[in-house]
């Protein structure tokens, strides 16, 4: 049976450099969200996001209790981030100083959420392609074409209320009885 050993230091360094290059290659928050949701689990993303927020709040002079209340993190996590900030913390400080104060687009927040509709669509594209196709069409469509599409989508909502399971069952039972009456 083959046994897997730990990576050699030079191999670890190569992987770390490749990761850093991949991270630095993203150009905007949307691309960063795509990269993070592909690389990390939802729990890992939450942990990293909490650490960054804790570092930001610590640099703003907030108390451990205030941070615990707002971020829902334990005192040990806050103390660990504080230690990292005091010992080195250059990465935290760079990220905090360069980050925008408020997201410019509310939809960006959805793109960062691992279980959002946006990210589910990225993970399961065959189930979501009609929505993506409509979004792309809306980007290039004229006002007249957009209004036509909106009317079509509105009429589809009506179908949902008209064609319920019960209505379909009744319809098919009526068809069945009509066919039986015609055959007799």
Foldseek 3Di string as FASTA:
>chain_A
DDDDDDDDPVVVVVVVVVVVVVCVPDDDLLSNLVVDLVPDPQVVLLLVVLLLVLLLVVVVVDDLVVSCVPSVDDSVSSVVSVVVCVVPVPVSVVCNVPDDPDDPDPVSVLSNRNPHPVNVCVVVVVVCVVVVVVVVCVVPDDPVVVVVVVVVVVVVVVCPVCDDVVNVVVVVVVVVVVVVVVVD
